[in-house]
Amino acid sequence: MGMDNLNHLVNHFDPIINEVIDENEERSSKNSVLLEKLNQQNIKHAIKDIRRQSSTLRKLEEEGKIKIVGANYDVETGSVNWLCLLNNVITLLRIKI
């Protein structure tokens, strides 16, 4: 009943949440460490999805012509966190705008 989009989002984030949350970890927006882990894991999944879904972009990256990276803009601080995923390792670069 009009919940298809919400169900899609919940189904998308479930695996990400399950990968990150520890059994006894506080599950609330007050847990800033958890929120950062979830954010980085979501970006990591987005990078993998782009590589999996676009053979053109994947090929260009393999040839060294482009680099697929993720970013997160923090509206409170004006910082942009660029995340590069290489061999399943995230490299973080923070830039204050």
Protein backbone atom coordinates (compact mmCIF):
# COMPACT_ATOMS: atom_id res chain seq x y z
CA MET A 1 0.00 0.00 0.00
CA GLY A 2 2.23 2.80 -1.21
CA MET A 3 5.23 1.48 0.73
CA ASP A 4 7.20 0.05 -2.20
CA ASN A 5 9.81 2.82 -2.17
CA LEU A 6 10.26 2.60 1.60
CA ASN A 7 10.50 -1.20 1.46
CA HIS A 8 13.14 -0.89 -1.28
CA LEU A 9 15.21 1.47 0.90
CA VAL A 10 14.91 -0.73 3.97
CA ASN A 11 15.89 -3.81 1.95
CA HIS A 12 18.85 -1.91 0.51
CA PHE A 13 20.19 -0.87 3.92
CA ASP A 14 19.53 -4.11 5.84
CA PRO A 15 22.71 -5.88 4.65
CA ILE A 16 24.78 -2.75 5.28
CA ILE A 17 23.41 -2.44 8.80
CA ASN A 18 23.98 -6.12 9.54
CA GLU A 19 27.60 -5.89 8.38
CA VAL A 20 28.39 -2.96 10.67
CA ILE A 21 26.39 -3.24 13.90
CA ASP A 22 27.91 -5.21 16.75
CA GLU A 23 25.55 -7.33 18.82
CA ASN A 24 25.48 -5.12 21.92
CA GLU A 25 26.07 -1.79 20.19
CA GLU A 26 23.70 1.11 20.88
CA ARG A 27 21.38 1.44 17.88
CA SER A 28 20.43 5.10 17.90
CA SER A 29 21.32 8.37 16.24
CA LYS A 30 23.23 9.28 19.42
CA ASN A 31 25.90 6.71 18.53
CA SER A 32 28.07 8.87 16.24
CA VAL A 33 30.68 6.12 15.79
CA LEU A 34 28.00 3.75 14.48
CA LEU A 35 26.58 6.41 12.16
CA GLU A 36 30.02 7.03 10.67
CA LYS A 37 30.58 3.28 10.19
CA LEU A 38 27.17 2.96 8.50
CA ASN A 39 27.89 5.95 6.29
CA GLN A 40 31.25 4.59 5.15
CA GLN A 41 29.80 1.12 4.57
CA ASN A 42 26.98 2.61 2.48
CA ILE A 43 29.49 4.52 0.35
CA LYS A 44 31.57 1.34 -0.01
CA HIS A 45 28.48 -0.53 -1.25
CA ALA A 46 27.64 2.29 -3.68
CA ILE A 47 31.13 2.11 -5.20
CA LYS A 48 30.83 -1.67 -5.57
CA ASP A 49 27.35 -1.28 -7.11
CA ILE A 50 28.65 1.19 -9.70
CA ARG A 51 31.48 -1.17 -10.63
CA ARG A 52 29.10 -4.13 -10.84
CA GLN A 53 26.32 -2.37 -12.75
CA SER A 54 28.40 -0.45 -15.30
CA SER A 55 30.79 -2.47 -17.39
CA THR A 56 31.86 0.74 -19.16
CA LEU A 57 32.88 2.53 -15.97
CA ARG A 58 34.49 -0.62 -14.59
CA LYS A 59 36.57 -1.02 -17.76
CA LEU A 60 37.64 2.65 -17.73
CA GLU A 61 38.72 2.29 -14.10
CA GLU A 62 40.62 -0.93 -14.85
CA GLU A 63 42.42 0.90 -17.66
CA GLY A 64 43.36 3.69 -15.23
CA LYS A 65 41.37 6.31 -17.15
CA ILE A 66 39.00 7.10 -14.28
CA LYS A 67 38.78 6.44 -10.55
CA ILE A 68 35.46 5.60 -8.92
CA VAL A 69 35.33 7.22 -5.50
CA GLY A 70 32.62 8.06 -2.98
CA ALA A 71 32.06 11.26 -1.07
CA ASN A 72 29.99 12.55 1.79
CA TYR A 73 29.25 16.24 2.38
CA ASP A 74 28.77 17.23 6.01
CA VAL A 75 26.28 20.12 6.02
CA GLU A 76 27.19 21.05 9.61
CA THR A 77 30.93 21.45 9.07
CA GLY A 78 31.21 22.07 5.32
CA SER A 79 33.65 19.17 5.04
CA VAL A 80 33.70 16.76 2.15
CA ASN A 81 34.92 13.27 2.99
CA TRP A 82 36.22 11.53 -0.10
CA LEU A 83 36.40 7.76 0.16
CA CYS A 84 38.43 5.68 -2.24
CA LEU A 85 37.87 1.92 -2.16
CA LEU A 86 40.81 -0.13 -3.41
CA ASN A 87 41.20 -3.84 -2.66
CA ASN A 88 38.34 -3.56 -0.14
CA VAL A 89 40.28 -0.92 1.87
CA ILE A 90 38.78 2.54 2.36
CA THR A 91 41.10 5.53 2.15
CA LEU A 92 39.61 8.71 3.65
CA LEU A 93 40.50 12.25 2.57
CA ARG A 94 38.76 15.17 4.32
CA ILE A 95 38.52 18.56 2.65
CA LYS A 96 36.98 21.60 4.34
CA ILE A 97 35.21 23.86 1.84
